[in-house]
């Protein structure tokens, strides 16, 4: 199981390049990810670094919030009609003019399936998605 924030994301937070809501101009996107196609690492910085591992289209997150404790959350979401290669994880990107598709966080919790063209629901069981 891998779960991490990308170092560039943390650095840009400290530089105040990212707005307080993390929503940017067009928000945060989630992409289903195939680790058999590309081995994602914390050295990666941009969507273009990892795009060969992406399965299907990205989904924009809704109701992004940041608590006073640094807990970042957004609504559960659905990858619609996902099909293609196996999926072992999800990579999140920030869609922002100053930080064009910077990688935010990566999760591979409980993901290991081959999509068959059906909707795939992603539900968060904790109080937040990640904590700064």
Protein backbone atom coordinates (compact mmCIF):
# COMPACT_ATOMS: atom_id res chain seq x y z
CA UNK A 1 0.00 0.00 0.00
CA UNK A 2 1.38 3.40 -1.03
CA UNK A 3 0.01 6.69 0.11
CA UNK A 4 1.92 9.90 -0.26
CA UNK A 5 1.89 13.60 -1.06
CA UNK A 6 4.16 14.62 -3.87
CA UNK A 7 7.08 16.81 -2.63
CA UNK A 8 6.47 19.55 -5.23
CA UNK A 9 2.90 19.92 -3.93
CA UNK A 10 4.18 20.45 -0.38
CA UNK A 11 6.77 22.97 -1.61
CA UNK A 12 4.17 24.94 -3.57
CA UNK A 13 1.94 25.08 -0.48
CA UNK A 14 4.81 26.64 1.47
CA UNK A 15 5.47 29.08 -1.38
CA UNK A 16 1.77 30.08 -1.26
CA UNK A 17 1.39 29.35 -4.97
CA UNK A 18 -1.75 27.30 -4.30
CA UNK A 19 -4.89 29.06 -3.07
CA UNK A 20 -6.29 28.24 0.35
CA UNK A 21 -9.09 26.00 -0.94
CA UNK A 22 -6.73 23.98 -3.18
CA UNK A 23 -9.41 24.37 -5.83
CA UNK A 24 -7.33 26.39 -8.28
CA UNK A 25 -9.13 27.71 -11.34
CA UNK A 26 -10.68 24.40 -12.38
CA UNK A 27 -10.15 22.25 -9.31
CA UNK A 28 -8.66 18.97 -8.29
CA UNK A 29 -8.97 15.97 -10.61
CA UNK A 30 -8.74 12.27 -9.87
CA UNK A 31 -7.43 9.69 -12.33
CA UNK A 32 -7.59 5.91 -12.08
CA UNK A 33 -4.06 4.55 -12.33
CA UNK A 34 -2.39 1.37 -13.64
CA UNK A 35 0.91 0.70 -11.84
CA UNK A 36 1.71 -2.06 -14.32
CA UNK A 37 2.06 0.56 -17.07
CA UNK A 38 3.98 3.14 -15.07
CA UNK A 39 5.60 2.89 -11.62
CA UNK A 40 4.60 6.13 -9.94
CA UNK A 41 7.10 7.62 -7.47
CA UNK A 42 7.38 10.71 -5.27
CA UNK A 43 9.90 12.11 -7.78
CA UNK A 44 7.12 12.65 -10.35
CA UNK A 45 5.81 16.23 -10.45
CA UNK A 46 3.29 16.68 -13.26
CA UNK A 47 0.43 14.79 -14.87
CA UNK A 48 2.57 14.50 -18.01
CA UNK A 49 5.13 12.50 -15.97
CA UNK A 50 2.58 9.78 -15.16
CA UNK A 51 -0.02 10.04 -17.96
CA UNK A 52 0.98 6.69 -19.51
CA UNK A 53 -0.40 4.98 -16.39
CA UNK A 54 -3.77 6.77 -16.43
CA UNK A 55 -6.88 4.69 -17.15
CA UNK A 56 -9.91 6.56 -18.51
CA UNK A 57 -10.77 10.22 -18.05
CA UNK A 58 -10.23 12.40 -15.01
CA UNK A 59 -13.04 13.39 -12.64
CA UNK A 60 -13.17 16.85 -11.04
CA UNK A 61 -13.57 16.83 -7.25
CA UNK A 62 -16.46 18.76 -5.70
CA UNK A 63 -16.80 20.59 -2.37
CA UNK A 64 -13.08 20.73 -1.63
CA UNK A 65 -12.47 21.90 1.96
CA UNK A 66 -9.46 22.46 4.21
CA UNK A 67 -10.01 22.38 7.97
CA UNK A 68 -8.09 24.41 10.55
CA UNK A 69 -6.26 21.16 11.37
CA UNK A 70 -4.99 20.81 7.78
CA UNK A 71 -7.46 18.08 6.86
CA UNK A 72 -8.31 18.16 3.15
CA UNK A 73 -11.59 16.64 2.06
CA UNK A 74 -13.91 16.44 -0.94
CA UNK A 75 -17.04 14.58 -1.91
CA UNK A 76 -17.06 10.90 -2.82
CA UNK A 77 -17.04 10.52 -6.61
CA UNK A 78 -17.56 8.16 -9.54
CA UNK A 79 -15.38 7.27 -12.50
CA UNK A 80 -18.10 6.95 -15.18
CA UNK A 81 -17.99 3.98 -17.57
CA UNK A 82 -14.38 3.16 -16.70
CA UNK A 83 -12.75 0.63 -19.00
CA UNK A 84 -9.24 -0.34 -19.98
CA UNK A 85 -6.19 -1.64 -18.17
CA UNK A 86 -6.06 -2.77 -14.55
CA UNK A 87 -6.41 -0.15 -11.84
CA UNK A 88 -4.26 -0.26 -8.73
CA UNK A 89 -4.45 3.33 -7.52
CA UNK A 90 -5.71 6.89 -7.88
CA UNK A 91 -3.58 9.94 -8.57
CA UNK A 92 -4.90 13.44 -7.86
CA UNK A 93 -3.81 16.58 -9.72
CA UNK A 94 -4.35 20.29 -9.24
CA UNK A 95 -5.77 22.06 -12.30
CA UNK A 96 -4.31 25.54 -11.80
CA UNK A 97 -2.88 28.15 -14.17
CA UNK A 98 0.26 28.68 -12.07
CA UNK A 99 0.72 24.93 -11.46
CA UNK A 100 -0.56 23.23 -14.57
CA UNK A 101 -1.61 19.73 -13.54
CA UNK A 102 0.77 19.36 -10.62
CA UNK A 103 0.52 16.01 -8.85
CA UNK A 104 -0.98 16.29 -5.36
CA UNK A 105 -1.42 12.89 -3.72
CA UNK A 106 -1.39 9.22 -4.65
CA UNK A 107 -3.37 6.36 -3.09
CA UNK A 108 -3.50 2.67 -3.88
CA UNK A 109 -5.68 1.58 -0.95
CA UNK A 110 -7.94 -1.36 -1.80
CA UNK A 111 -7.60 -0.77 -5.54
CA UNK A 112 -6.86 -3.78 -7.70
CA UNK A 113 -9.36 -4.49 -10.44
CA UNK A 114 -9.87 -4.51 -14.20
CA UNK A 115 -12.53 -1.98 -15.24
CA UNK A 116 -15.20 -3.38 -17.55
CA UNK A 117 -17.02 -0.24 -18.70
CA UNK A 118 -19.11 0.23 -15.57
CA UNK A 119 -19.18 3.15 -13.16
CA UNK A 120 -16.61 2.87 -10.37
CA UNK A 121 -17.58 4.60 -7.11
CA UNK A 122 -14.86 5.96 -4.85
CA UNK A 123 -15.99 6.39 -1.25
CA UNK A 124 -13.87 7.77 1.56
CA UNK A 125 -14.41 6.11 4.92
CA UNK A 126 -12.39 8.52 7.05
CA UNK A 127 -13.13 12.07 8.13
CA UNK A 128 -10.86 13.49 5.41
CA UNK A 129 -8.97 12.44 2.28
CA UNK A 130 -5.52 13.53 3.45
CA UNK A 131 -3.92 15.72 6.09
CA UNK A 132 -1.20 18.31 5.61
